Amino acid sequence: RHLNRTGRPMIYSCSWPVYQIYAGINPNFSSIIEHCN
């Protein structure tokens, strides 16, 4: 959201799901799809 508020178009690449998978957490892919490119 902070990236979007700058007004500068920036692709957003997340490592979010892989760290959660390593930790035994089921990632919320609906949210990941919503917030990451």
Full PDB file with SEQRES, HELIX, SHEET, SSBOND, CRYST1, ORIGX, SCALE, CONECT and MASTER records, all heavy atoms in Angstrom:
SEQRES   1 A   37  ARG HIS LEU ASN ARG THR GLY ARG PRO MET ILE TYR SER          
SEQRES   2 A   37  CYS SER TRP PRO VAL TYR GLN ILE TYR ALA GLY ILE ASN          
SEQRES   3 A   37  PRO ASN PHE SER SER ILE ILE GLU HIS CYS ASN                  
HELIX    1 AA1 HIS A    2  ARG A    5  1                                   4    
HELIX    2 AA2 TRP A   16  TYR A   22  1                                   7    
HELIX    3 AA3 PHE A   29  HIS A   35  1                                   7    
SSBOND   1 CYS A   14    CYS A   36                          1555   1555  2.07  
CRYST1    1.000    1.000    1.000  90.00  90.00  90.00 P 1           1          
ORIGX1      1.000000  0.000000  0.000000        0.00000                         
ORIGX2      0.000000  1.000000  0.000000        0.00000                         
ORIGX3      0.000000  0.000000  1.000000        0.00000                         
SCALE1      1.000000  0.000000  0.000000        0.00000                         
SCALE2      0.000000  1.000000  0.000000        0.00000                         
SCALE3      0.000000  0.000000  1.000000        0.00000                         
ATOM      1  N   ARG A   1       0.834  -1.207   0.000  1.00  0.00           N  
ATOM      2  CA  ARG A   1       0.000   0.000   0.000  1.00  0.00           C  
ATOM      3  C   ARG A   1       0.870   1.260   0.000  1.00  0.00           C  
ATOM      4  O   ARG A   1       0.549   2.249  -0.671  1.00  0.00           O  
ATOM      5  CB  ARG A   1      -0.941  -0.015   1.202  1.00  0.00           C  
ATOM      6  CG  ARG A   1      -2.088  -1.014   1.068  1.00  0.00           C  
ATOM      7  CD  ARG A   1      -3.127  -0.845   2.158  1.00  0.00           C  
ATOM      8  NE  ARG A   1      -2.638  -1.285   3.458  1.00  0.00           N  
ATOM      9  CZ  ARG A   1      -2.760  -2.528   3.930  1.00  0.00           C  
ATOM     10  NH1 ARG A   1      -3.338  -3.458   3.191  1.00  0.00           N  
ATOM     11  NH2 ARG A   1      -2.312  -2.845   5.131  1.00  0.00           N  
ATOM     12  N   HIS A   2       1.977   1.212   0.724  1.00  0.00           N  
ATOM     13  CA  HIS A   2       2.881   2.362   0.713  1.00  0.00           C  
ATOM     14  C   HIS A   2       3.480   2.572  -0.682  1.00  0.00           C  
ATOM     15  O   HIS A   2       3.627   3.719  -1.134  1.00  0.00           O  
ATOM     16  CB  HIS A   2       3.988   2.188   1.742  1.00  0.00           C  
ATOM     17  CG  HIS A   2       3.540   2.368   3.164  1.00  0.00           C  
ATOM     18  ND1 HIS A   2       2.927   3.531   3.601  1.00  0.00           N  
ATOM     19  CD2 HIS A   2       3.621   1.554   4.249  1.00  0.00           C  
ATOM     20  CE1 HIS A   2       2.647   3.415   4.892  1.00  0.00           C  
ATOM     21  NE2 HIS A   2       3.051   2.231   5.303  1.00  0.00           N  
ATOM     22  N   LEU A   3       3.826   1.489  -1.349  1.00  0.00           N  
ATOM     23  CA  LEU A   3       4.334   1.615  -2.717  1.00  0.00           C  
ATOM     24  C   LEU A   3       3.281   2.264  -3.617  1.00  0.00           C  
ATOM     25  O   LEU A   3       3.586   3.177  -4.406  1.00  0.00           O  
ATOM     26  CB  LEU A   3       4.723   0.245  -3.269  1.00  0.00           C  
ATOM     27  CG  LEU A   3       5.942  -0.453  -2.656  1.00  0.00           C  
ATOM     28  CD1 LEU A   3       6.115  -1.837  -3.274  1.00  0.00           C  
ATOM     29  CD2 LEU A   3       7.219   0.371  -2.850  1.00  0.00           C  
ATOM     30  N   ASN A   4       2.040   1.809  -3.496  1.00  0.00           N  
ATOM     31  CA  ASN A   4       0.979   2.361  -4.341  1.00  0.00           C  
ATOM     32  C   ASN A   4       0.735   3.842  -4.058  1.00  0.00           C  
ATOM     33  O   ASN A   4       0.488   4.629  -4.986  1.00  0.00           O  
ATOM     34  CB  ASN A   4      -0.322   1.578  -4.129  1.00  0.00           C  
ATOM     35  CG  ASN A   4      -0.326   0.272  -4.899  1.00  0.00           C  
ATOM     36  OD1 ASN A   4       0.504   0.037  -5.766  1.00  0.00           O  
ATOM     37  ND2 ASN A   4      -1.275  -0.594  -4.569  1.00  0.00           N  
ATOM     38  N   ARG A   5       0.820   4.221  -2.801  1.00  0.00           N  
ATOM     39  CA  ARG A   5       0.533   5.613  -2.442  1.00  0.00           C  
ATOM     40  C   ARG A   5       1.573   6.586  -2.982  1.00  0.00           C  
ATOM     41  O   ARG A   5       1.313   7.790  -3.063  1.00  0.00           O  
ATOM     42  CB  ARG A   5       0.430   5.745  -0.919  1.00  0.00           C  
ATOM     43  CG  ARG A   5      -0.819   5.109  -0.324  1.00  0.00           C  
ATOM     44  CD  ARG A   5      -0.896   5.314   1.175  1.00  0.00           C  
ATOM     45  NE  ARG A   5      -1.960   4.533   1.765  1.00  0.00           N  
ATOM     46  CZ  ARG A   5      -1.827   3.703   2.784  1.00  0.00           C  
ATOM     47  NH1 ARG A   5      -0.626   3.551   3.357  1.00  0.00           N  
ATOM     48  NH2 ARG A   5      -2.860   3.033   3.262  1.00  0.00           N  
ATOM     49  N   THR A   6       2.749   6.087  -3.340  1.00  0.00           N  
ATOM     50  CA  THR A   6       3.754   7.000  -3.908  1.00  0.00           C  
ATOM     51  C   THR A   6       3.344   7.502  -5.282  1.00  0.00           C  
ATOM     52  O   THR A   6       3.841   8.532  -5.737  1.00  0.00           O  
ATOM     53  CB  THR A   6       5.116   6.291  -4.037  1.00  0.00           C  
ATOM     54  OG1 THR A   6       5.041   5.268  -5.048  1.00  0.00           O  
ATOM     55  CG2 THR A   6       5.572   5.708  -2.714  1.00  0.00           C  
ATOM     56  N   GLY A   7       2.467   6.772  -5.950  1.00  0.00           N  
ATOM     57  CA  GLY A   7       2.086   7.128  -7.314  1.00  0.00           C  
ATOM     58  C   GLY A   7       3.063   6.635  -8.361  1.00  0.00           C  
ATOM     59  O   GLY A   7       2.826   6.809  -9.558  1.00  0.00           O  
ATOM     60  N   ARG A   8       4.142   6.029  -7.935  1.00  0.00           N  
ATOM     61  CA  ARG A   8       5.152   5.497  -8.855  1.00  0.00           C  
ATOM     62  C   ARG A   8       4.807   4.037  -9.174  1.00  0.00           C  
ATOM     63  O   ARG A   8       4.708   3.214  -8.256  1.00  0.00           O  
ATOM     64  CB  ARG A   8       6.540   5.564  -8.212  1.00  0.00           C  
ATOM     65  CG  ARG A   8       7.657   4.868  -8.999  1.00  0.00           C  
ATOM     66  CD  ARG A   8       8.107   5.685 -10.165  1.00  0.00           C  
ATOM     67  NE  ARG A   8       9.064   4.957 -10.990  1.00  0.00           N  
ATOM     68  CZ  ARG A   8       9.497   5.391 -12.155  1.00  0.00           C  
ATOM     69  NH1 ARG A   8       9.081   6.556 -12.630  1.00  0.00           N  
ATOM     70  NH2 ARG A   8      10.371   4.700 -12.854  1.00  0.00           N  
ATOM     71  N   PRO A   9       4.607   3.664 -10.435  1.00  0.00           N  
ATOM     72  CA  PRO A   9       4.314   2.254 -10.750  1.00  0.00           C  
ATOM     73  C   PRO A   9       5.535   1.385 -10.457  1.00  0.00           C  
ATOM     74  O   PRO A   9       6.594   1.554 -11.075  1.00  0.00           O  
ATOM     75  CB  PRO A   9       3.995   2.275 -12.250  1.00  0.00           C  
ATOM     76  CG  PRO A   9       3.751   3.713 -12.597  1.00  0.00           C  
ATOM     77  CD  PRO A   9       4.592   4.514 -11.651  1.00  0.00           C  
ATOM     78  N   MET A  10       5.395   0.464  -9.523  1.00  0.00           N  
ATOM     79  CA  MET A  10       6.501  -0.437  -9.163  1.00  0.00           C  
ATOM     80  C   MET A  10       5.972  -1.857  -9.038  1.00  0.00           C  
ATOM     81  O   MET A  10       5.073  -2.120  -8.230  1.00  0.00           O  
ATOM     82  CB  MET A  10       7.143   0.006  -7.838  1.00  0.00           C  
ATOM     83  CG  MET A  10       7.934   1.303  -7.929  1.00  0.00           C  
ATOM     84  SD  MET A  10       8.724   1.794  -6.352  1.00  0.00           S  
ATOM     85  CE  MET A  10       7.420   2.857  -5.651  1.00  0.00           C  
ATOM     86  N   ILE A  11       6.513  -2.772  -9.830  1.00  0.00           N  
ATOM     87  CA  ILE A  11       6.193  -4.185  -9.647  1.00  0.00           C  
ATOM     88  C   ILE A  11       6.609  -4.596  -8.242  1.00  0.00           C  
ATOM     89  O   ILE A  11       7.667  -4.206  -7.757  1.00  0.00           O  
ATOM     90  CB  ILE A  11       6.902  -5.041 -10.708  1.00  0.00           C  
ATOM     91  CG1 ILE A  11       6.166  -4.932 -12.046  1.00  0.00           C  
ATOM     92  CG2 ILE A  11       7.009  -6.497 -10.277  1.00  0.00           C  
ATOM     93  CD1 ILE A  11       6.785  -5.772 -13.150  1.00  0.00           C  
ATOM     94  N   TYR A  12       5.777  -5.402  -7.603  1.00  0.00           N  
ATOM     95  CA  TYR A  12       6.013  -5.804  -6.214  1.00  0.00           C  
ATOM     96  C   TYR A  12       6.188  -7.318  -6.169  1.00  0.00           C  
ATOM     97  O   TYR A  12       5.244  -8.075  -6.362  1.00  0.00           O  
ATOM     98  CB  TYR A  12       4.832  -5.362  -5.360  1.00  0.00           C  
ATOM     99  CG  TYR A  12       4.980  -5.559  -3.871  1.00  0.00           C  
ATOM    100  CD1 TYR A  12       6.224  -5.605  -3.245  1.00  0.00           C  
ATOM    101  CD2 TYR A  12       3.844  -5.682  -3.075  1.00  0.00           C  
ATOM    102  CE1 TYR A  12       6.333  -5.772  -1.875  1.00  0.00           C  
ATOM    103  CE2 TYR A  12       3.935  -5.846  -1.693  1.00  0.00           C  
ATOM    104  CZ  TYR A  12       5.178  -5.894  -1.105  1.00  0.00           C  
ATOM    105  OH  TYR A  12       5.288  -6.065   0.249  1.00  0.00           O  
ATOM    106  N   SER A  13       7.419  -7.752  -5.901  1.00  0.00           N  
ATOM    107  CA  SER A  13       7.766  -9.165  -5.818  1.00  0.00           C  
ATOM    108  C   SER A  13       7.913  -9.565  -4.361  1.00  0.00           C  
ATOM    109  O   SER A  13       8.732  -8.997  -3.637  1.00  0.00           O  
ATOM    110  CB  SER A  13       9.076  -9.426  -6.569  1.00  0.00           C  
ATOM    111  OG  SER A  13       9.521 -10.750  -6.371  1.00  0.00           O  
ATOM    112  N   CYS A  14       7.129 -10.552  -3.933  1.00  0.00           N  
ATOM    113  CA  CYS A  14       7.058 -10.932  -2.521  1.00  0.00           C  
ATOM    114  C   CYS A  14       7.680 -12.313  -2.286  1.00  0.00           C  
ATOM    115  O   CYS A  14       7.478 -13.234  -3.076  1.00  0.00           O  
ATOM    116  CB  CYS A  14       5.599 -10.987  -2.060  1.00  0.00           C  
ATOM    117  SG  CYS A  14       4.675  -9.452  -2.296  1.00  0.00           S  
ATOM    118  N   SER A  15       8.372 -12.446  -1.165  1.00  0.00           N  
ATOM    119  CA  SER A  15       8.833 -13.761  -0.709  1.00  0.00           C  
ATOM    120  C   SER A  15       7.926 -14.307   0.398  1.00  0.00           C  
ATOM    121  O   SER A  15       8.252 -15.321   1.023  1.00  0.00           O  
ATOM    122  CB  SER A  15      10.276 -13.664  -0.203  1.00  0.00           C  
ATOM    123  OG  SER A  15      11.149 -13.315  -1.244  1.00  0.00           O  
ATOM    124  N   TRP A  16       6.842 -13.681   0.608  1.00  0.00           N  
ATOM    125  CA  TRP A  16       5.848 -13.966   1.640  1.00  0.00           C  
ATOM    126  C   TRP A  16       5.489 -15.448   1.757  1.00  0.00           C  
ATOM    127  O   TRP A  16       5.672 -16.067   2.818  1.00  0.00           O  
ATOM    128  CB  TRP A  16       4.658 -13.082   1.321  1.00  0.00           C  
ATOM    129  CG  TRP A  16       3.416 -13.153   2.126  1.00  0.00           C  
ATOM    130  CD1 TRP A  16       3.141 -13.912   3.223  1.00  0.00           C  
ATOM    131  CD2 TRP A  16       2.231 -12.377   1.871  1.00  0.00           C  
ATOM    132  NE1 TRP A  16       1.860 -13.662   3.666  1.00  0.00           N  
ATOM    133  CE2 TRP A  16       1.279 -12.726   2.854  1.00  0.00           C  
ATOM    134  CE3 TRP A  16       1.887 -11.429   0.915  1.00  0.00           C  
ATOM    135  CZ2 TRP A  16       0.006 -12.167   2.892  1.00  0.00           C  
ATOM    136  CZ3 TRP A  16       0.629 -10.867   0.947  1.00  0.00           C  
ATOM    137  CH2 TRP A  16      -0.307 -11.228   1.934  1.00  0.00           C  
ATOM    138  N   PRO A  17       4.978 -16.116   0.687  1.00  0.00           N  
ATOM    139  CA  PRO A  17       4.500 -17.483   0.897  1.00  0.00           C  
ATOM    140  C   PRO A  17       5.595 -18.477   1.233  1.00  0.00           C  
ATOM    141  O   PRO A  17       5.378 -19.392   2.042  1.00  0.00           O  
ATOM    142  CB  PRO A  17       3.811 -17.835  -0.423  1.00  0.00           C  
ATOM    143  CG  PRO A  17       4.325 -16.859  -1.406  1.00  0.00           C  
ATOM    144  CD  PRO A  17       4.660 -15.624  -0.663  1.00  0.00           C  
ATOM    145  N   VAL A  18       6.784 -18.348   0.646  1.00  0.00           N  
ATOM    146  CA  VAL A  18       7.809 -19.366   0.870  1.00  0.00           C  
ATOM    147  C   VAL A  18       8.244 -19.405   2.330  1.00  0.00           C  
ATOM    148  O   VAL A  18       8.456 -20.488   2.896  1.00  0.00           O  
ATOM    149  CB  VAL A  18       9.010 -19.167  -0.076  1.00  0.00           C  
ATOM    150  CG1 VAL A  18       9.760 -17.881   0.201  1.00  0.00           C  
ATOM    151  CG2 VAL A  18       9.948 -20.363  -0.001  1.00  0.00           C  
ATOM    152  N   TYR A  19       8.343 -18.250   2.985  1.00  0.00           N  
ATOM    153  CA  TYR A  19       8.734 -18.255   4.396  1.00  0.00           C  
ATOM    154  C   TYR A  19       7.643 -18.853   5.279  1.00  0.00           C  
ATOM    155  O   TYR A  19       7.931 -19.525   6.269  1.00  0.00           O  
ATOM    156  CB  TYR A  19       9.086 -16.836   4.845  1.00  0.00           C  
ATOM    157  CG  TYR A  19      10.442 -16.398   4.350  1.00  0.00           C  
ATOM    158  CD1 TYR A  19      10.580 -15.675   3.173  1.00  0.00           C  
ATOM    159  CD2 TYR A  19      11.603 -16.726   5.045  1.00  0.00           C  
ATOM    160  CE1 TYR A  19      11.822 -15.291   2.700  1.00  0.00           C  
ATOM    161  CE2 TYR A  19      12.849 -16.335   4.591  1.00  0.00           C  
ATOM    162  CZ  TYR A  19      12.956 -15.617   3.412  1.00  0.00           C  
ATOM    163  OH  TYR A  19      14.195 -15.242   2.949  1.00  0.00           O  
ATOM    164  N   GLN A  20       6.402 -18.630   4.920  1.00  0.00           N  
ATOM    165  CA  GLN A  20       5.324 -19.231   5.695  1.00  0.00           C  
ATOM    166  C   GLN A  20       5.255 -20.744   5.476  1.00  0.00           C  
ATOM    167  O   GLN A  20       5.013 -21.500   6.424  1.00  0.00           O  
ATOM    168  CB  GLN A  20       3.989 -18.567   5.334  1.00  0.00           C  
ATOM    169  CG  GLN A  20       3.915 -17.114   5.789  1.00  0.00           C  
ATOM    170  CD  GLN A  20       2.509 -16.545   5.723  1.00  0.00           C  
ATOM    171  OE1 GLN A  20       1.697 -16.959   4.895  1.00  0.00           O  
ATOM    172  NE2 GLN A  20       2.222 -15.591   6.588  1.00  0.00           N  
ATOM    173  N   ILE A  21       5.491 -21.180   4.249  1.00  0.00           N  
ATOM    174  CA  ILE A  21       5.520 -22.619   3.981  1.00  0.00           C  
ATOM    175  C   ILE A  21       6.630 -23.274   4.795  1.00  0.00           C  
ATOM    176  O   ILE A  21       6.447 -24.337   5.396  1.00  0.00           O  
ATOM    177  CB  ILE A  21       5.693 -22.875   2.470  1.00  0.00           C  
ATOM    178  CG1 ILE A  21       4.420 -22.450   1.713  1.00  0.00           C  
ATOM    179  CG2 ILE A  21       5.998 -24.351   2.205  1.00  0.00           C  
ATOM    180  CD1 ILE A  21       4.575 -22.416   0.207  1.00  0.00           C  
ATOM    181  N   TYR A  22       7.803 -22.646   4.829  1.00  0.00           N  
ATOM    182  CA  TYR A  22       8.900 -23.173   5.645  1.00  0.00           C  
ATOM    183  C   TYR A  22       8.503 -23.275   7.123  1.00  0.00           C  
ATOM    184  O   TYR A  22       8.950 -24.177   7.836  1.00  0.00           O  
ATOM    185  CB  TYR A  22      10.127 -22.270   5.536  1.00  0.00           C  
ATOM    186  CG  TYR A  22      10.870 -22.338   4.225  1.00  0.00           C  
ATOM    187  CD1 TYR A  22      11.692 -21.294   3.825  1.00  0.00           C  
ATOM    188  CD2 TYR A  22      10.768 -23.443   3.389  1.00  0.00           C  
ATOM    189  CE1 TYR A  22      12.395 -21.342   2.634  1.00  0.00           C  
ATOM    190  CE2 TYR A  22      11.453 -23.490   2.184  1.00  0.00           C  
ATOM    191  CZ  TYR A  22      12.268 -22.441   1.816  1.00  0.00           C  
ATOM    192  OH  TYR A  22      12.950 -22.500   0.636  1.00  0.00           O  
ATOM    193  N   ALA A  23       7.670 -22.340   7.576  1.00  0.00           N  
ATOM    194  CA  ALA A  23       7.272 -22.305   8.984  1.00  0.00           C  
ATOM    195  C   ALA A  23       6.058 -23.187   9.278  1.00  0.00           C  
ATOM    196  O   ALA A  23       5.575 -23.201  10.414  1.00  0.00           O  
ATOM    197  CB  ALA A  23       6.979 -20.864   9.399  1.00  0.00           C  
ATOM    198  N   GLY A  24       5.557 -23.897   8.285  1.00  0.00           N  
ATOM    199  CA  GLY A  24       4.407 -24.768   8.486  1.00  0.00           C  
ATOM    200  C   GLY A  24       3.081 -24.041   8.468  1.00  0.00           C  
ATOM    201  O   GLY A  24       2.069 -24.566   8.943  1.00  0.00           O  
ATOM    202  N   ILE A  25       3.052 -22.836   7.899  1.00  0.00           N  
ATOM    203  CA  ILE A  25       1.832 -22.031   7.813  1.00  0.00           C  
ATOM    204  C   ILE A  25       1.267 -22.151   6.402  1.00  0.00           C  
ATOM    205  O   ILE A  25       2.014 -22.086   5.425  1.00  0.00           O  
ATOM    206  CB  ILE A  25       2.138 -20.549   8.134  1.00  0.00           C  
ATOM    207  CG1 ILE A  25       2.718 -20.421   9.547  1.00  0.00           C  
ATOM    208  CG2 ILE A  25       0.900 -19.675   7.968  1.00  0.00           C  
ATOM    209  CD1 ILE A  25       3.299 -19.043   9.829  1.00  0.00           C  
ATOM    210  N   ASN A  26      -0.036 -22.315   6.293  1.00  0.00           N  
ATOM    211  CA  ASN A  26      -0.672 -22.307   4.980  1.00  0.00           C  
ATOM    212  C   ASN A  26      -0.866 -20.869   4.520  1.00  0.00           C  
ATOM    213  O   ASN A  26      -1.639 -20.123   5.126  1.00  0.00           O  
ATOM    214  CB  ASN A  26      -2.026 -23.023   5.025  1.00  0.00           C  
ATOM    215  CG  ASN A  26      -1.884 -24.512   5.222  1.00  0.00           C  
ATOM    216  OD1 ASN A  26      -0.964 -25.136   4.702  1.00  0.00           O  
ATOM    217  ND2 ASN A  26      -2.799 -25.110   5.989  1.00  0.00           N  
ATOM    218  N   PRO A  27      -0.171 -20.447   3.465  1.00  0.00           N  
ATOM    219  CA  PRO A  27      -0.296 -19.055   3.027  1.00  0.00           C  
ATOM    220  C   PRO A  27      -1.715 -18.717   2.574  1.00  0.00           C  
ATOM    221  O   PRO A  27      -2.416 -19.555   2.012  1.00  0.00           O  
ATOM    222  CB  PRO A  27       0.689 -18.961   1.857  1.00  0.00           C  
ATOM    223  CG  PRO A  27       1.629 -20.101   2.046  1.00  0.00           C  
ATOM    224  CD  PRO A  27       0.812 -21.194   2.669  1.00  0.00           C  
ATOM    225  N   ASN A  28      -2.096 -17.477   2.807  1.00  0.00           N  
ATOM    226  CA  ASN A  28      -3.380 -16.968   2.346  1.00  0.00           C  
ATOM    227  C   ASN A  28      -3.197 -16.440   0.926  1.00  0.00           C  
ATOM    228  O   ASN A  28      -2.885 -15.265   0.718  1.00  0.00           O  
ATOM    229  CB  ASN A  28      -3.876 -15.862   3.283  1.00  0.00           C  
ATOM    230  CG  ASN A  28      -5.217 -15.302   2.861  1.00  0.00           C  
ATOM    231  OD1 ASN A  28      -5.739 -15.612   1.788  1.00  0.00           O  
ATOM    232  ND2 ASN A  28      -5.788 -14.445   3.693  1.00  0.00           N  
ATOM    233  N   PHE A  29      -3.366 -17.323  -0.055  1.00  0.00           N  
ATOM    234  CA  PHE A  29      -3.069 -16.925  -1.425  1.00  0.00           C  
ATOM    235  C   PHE A  29      -4.061 -15.912  -1.975  1.00  0.00           C  
ATOM    236  O   PHE A  29      -3.718 -15.155  -2.887  1.00  0.00           O  
ATOM    237  CB  PHE A  29      -2.951 -18.151  -2.329  1.00  0.00           C  
ATOM    238  CG  PHE A  29      -1.591 -18.790  -2.276  1.00  0.00           C  
ATOM    239  CD1 PHE A  29      -1.395 -19.964  -1.577  1.00  0.00           C  
ATOM    240  CD2 PHE A  29      -0.503 -18.203  -2.896  1.00  0.00           C  
ATOM    241  CE1 PHE A  29      -0.136 -20.551  -1.512  1.00  0.00           C  
ATOM    242  CE2 PHE A  29       0.753 -18.773  -2.842  1.00  0.00           C  
ATOM    243  CZ  PHE A  29       0.940 -19.942  -2.140  1.00  0.00           C  
ATOM    244  N   SER A  30      -5.258 -15.865  -1.454  1.00  0.00           N  
ATOM    245  CA  SER A  30      -6.184 -14.818  -1.891  1.00  0.00           C  
ATOM    246  C   SER A  30      -5.607 -13.449  -1.579  1.00  0.00           C  
ATOM    247  O   SER A  30      -5.669 -12.521  -2.399  1.00  0.00           O  
ATOM    248  CB  SER A  30      -7.543 -14.988  -1.213  1.00  0.00           C  
ATOM    249  OG  SER A  30      -8.169 -16.181  -1.624  1.00  0.00           O  
ATOM    250  N   SER A  31      -5.030 -13.300  -0.396  1.00  0.00           N  
ATOM    251  CA  SER A  31      -4.417 -12.033  -0.020  1.00  0.00           C  
ATOM    252  C   SER A  31      -3.126 -11.798  -0.791  1.00  0.00           C  
ATOM    253  O   SER A  31      -2.833 -10.665  -1.223  1.00  0.00           O  
ATOM    254  CB  SER A  31      -4.138 -12.011   1.482  1.00  0.00           C  
ATOM    255  OG  SER A  31      -3.583 -10.777   1.884  1.00  0.00           O  
ATOM    256  N   ILE A  32      -2.340 -12.846  -0.992  1.00  0.00           N  
ATOM    257  CA  ILE A  32      -1.085 -12.709  -1.736  1.00  0.00           C  
ATOM    258  C   ILE A  32      -1.360 -12.258  -3.162  1.00  0.00           C  
ATOM    259  O   ILE A  32      -0.689 -11.359  -3.693  1.00  0.00           O  
ATOM    260  CB  ILE A  32      -0.311 -14.038  -1.696  1.00  0.00           C  
ATOM    261  CG1 ILE A  32       0.175 -14.320  -0.266  1.00  0.00           C  
ATOM    262  CG2 ILE A  32       0.866 -14.023  -2.659  1.00  0.00           C  
ATOM    263  CD1 ILE A  32       0.641 -15.735  -0.037  1.00  0.00           C  
ATOM    264  N   ILE A  33      -2.350 -12.867  -3.804  1.00  0.00           N  
ATOM    265  CA  ILE A  33      -2.725 -12.473  -5.162  1.00  0.00           C  
ATOM    266  C   ILE A  33      -3.185 -11.018  -5.194  1.00  0.00           C  
ATOM    267  O   ILE A  33      -2.898 -10.269  -6.133  1.00  0.00           O  
ATOM    268  CB  ILE A  33      -3.843 -13.393  -5.683  1.00  0.00           C  
ATOM    269  CG1 ILE A  33      -3.288 -14.805  -5.927  1.00  0.00           C  
ATOM    270  CG2 ILE A  33      -4.485 -12.840  -6.951  1.00  0.00           C  
ATOM    271  CD1 ILE A  33      -4.360 -15.846  -6.159  1.00  0.00           C  
ATOM    272  N   GLU A  34      -3.891 -10.614  -4.160  1.00  0.00           N  
ATOM    273  CA  GLU A  34      -4.414  -9.246  -4.112  1.00  0.00           C  
ATOM    274  C   GLU A  34      -3.318  -8.209  -3.968  1.00  0.00           C  
ATOM    275  O   GLU A  34      -3.421  -7.107  -4.500  1.00  0.00           O  
ATOM    276  CB  GLU A  34      -5.399  -9.110  -2.946  1.00  0.00           C  
ATOM    277  CG  GLU A  34      -6.038  -7.737  -2.832  1.00  0.00           C  
ATOM    278  CD  GLU A  34      -7.016  -7.629  -1.685  1.00  0.00           C  
ATOM    279  OE1 GLU A  34      -7.285  -8.672  -1.041  1.00  0.00           O  
ATOM    280  OE2 GLU A  34      -7.495  -6.520  -1.431  1.00  0.00           O  
ATOM    281  N   HIS A  35      -2.234  -8.562  -3.273  1.00  0.00           N  
ATOM    282  CA  HIS A  35      -1.256  -7.543  -2.900  1.00  0.00           C  
ATOM    283  C   HIS A  35       0.096  -7.651  -3.590  1.00  0.00           C  
ATOM    284  O   HIS A  35       0.915  -6.732  -3.458  1.00  0.00           O  
ATOM    285  CB  HIS A  35      -1.049  -7.573  -1.384  1.00  0.00           C  
ATOM    286  CG  HIS A  35      -2.255  -7.162  -0.606  1.00  0.00           C  
ATOM    287  ND1 HIS A  35      -3.072  -8.082   0.021  1.00  0.00           N  
ATOM    288  CD2 HIS A  35      -2.798  -5.948  -0.383  1.00  0.00           C  
ATOM    289  CE1 HIS A  35      -4.070  -7.426   0.618  1.00  0.00           C  
ATOM    290  NE2 HIS A  35      -3.931  -6.143   0.386  1.00  0.00           N  
ATOM    291  N   CYS A  36       0.369  -8.731  -4.311  1.00  0.00           N  
ATOM    292  CA  CYS A  36       1.690  -8.931  -4.909  1.00  0.00           C  
ATOM    293  C   CYS A  36       1.567  -9.219  -6.403  1.00  0.00           C  
ATOM    294  O   CYS A  36       0.628  -9.885  -6.837  1.00  0.00           O  
ATOM    295  CB  CYS A  36       2.415 -10.094  -4.239  1.00  0.00           C  
ATOM    296  SG  CYS A  36       2.657  -9.911  -2.452  1.00  0.00           S  
ATOM    297  N   ASN A  37       2.563  -8.757  -7.157  1.00  0.00           N  
ATOM    298  CA  ASN A  37       2.609  -9.065  -8.587  1.00  0.00           C  
ATOM    299  C   ASN A  37       3.248 -10.414  -8.866  1.00  0.00           C  
ATOM    300  O   ASN A  37       2.948 -11.046  -9.880  1.00  0.00           O  
ATOM    301  CB  ASN A  37       3.390  -7.996  -9.355  1.00  0.00           C  
ATOM    302  CG  ASN A  37       2.687  -6.653  -9.370  1.00  0.00           C  
ATOM    303  OD1 ASN A  37       3.211  -5.666  -8.872  1.00  0.00           O  
ATOM    304  ND2 ASN A  37       1.497  -6.600  -9.954  1.00  0.00           N  
TER     305      ASN A  37                                                      
CONECT  117  296                                                                
CONECT  296  117                                                                
MASTER        0    0    0    3    0    0    0    6  304    1    2    3          
END                                                                             
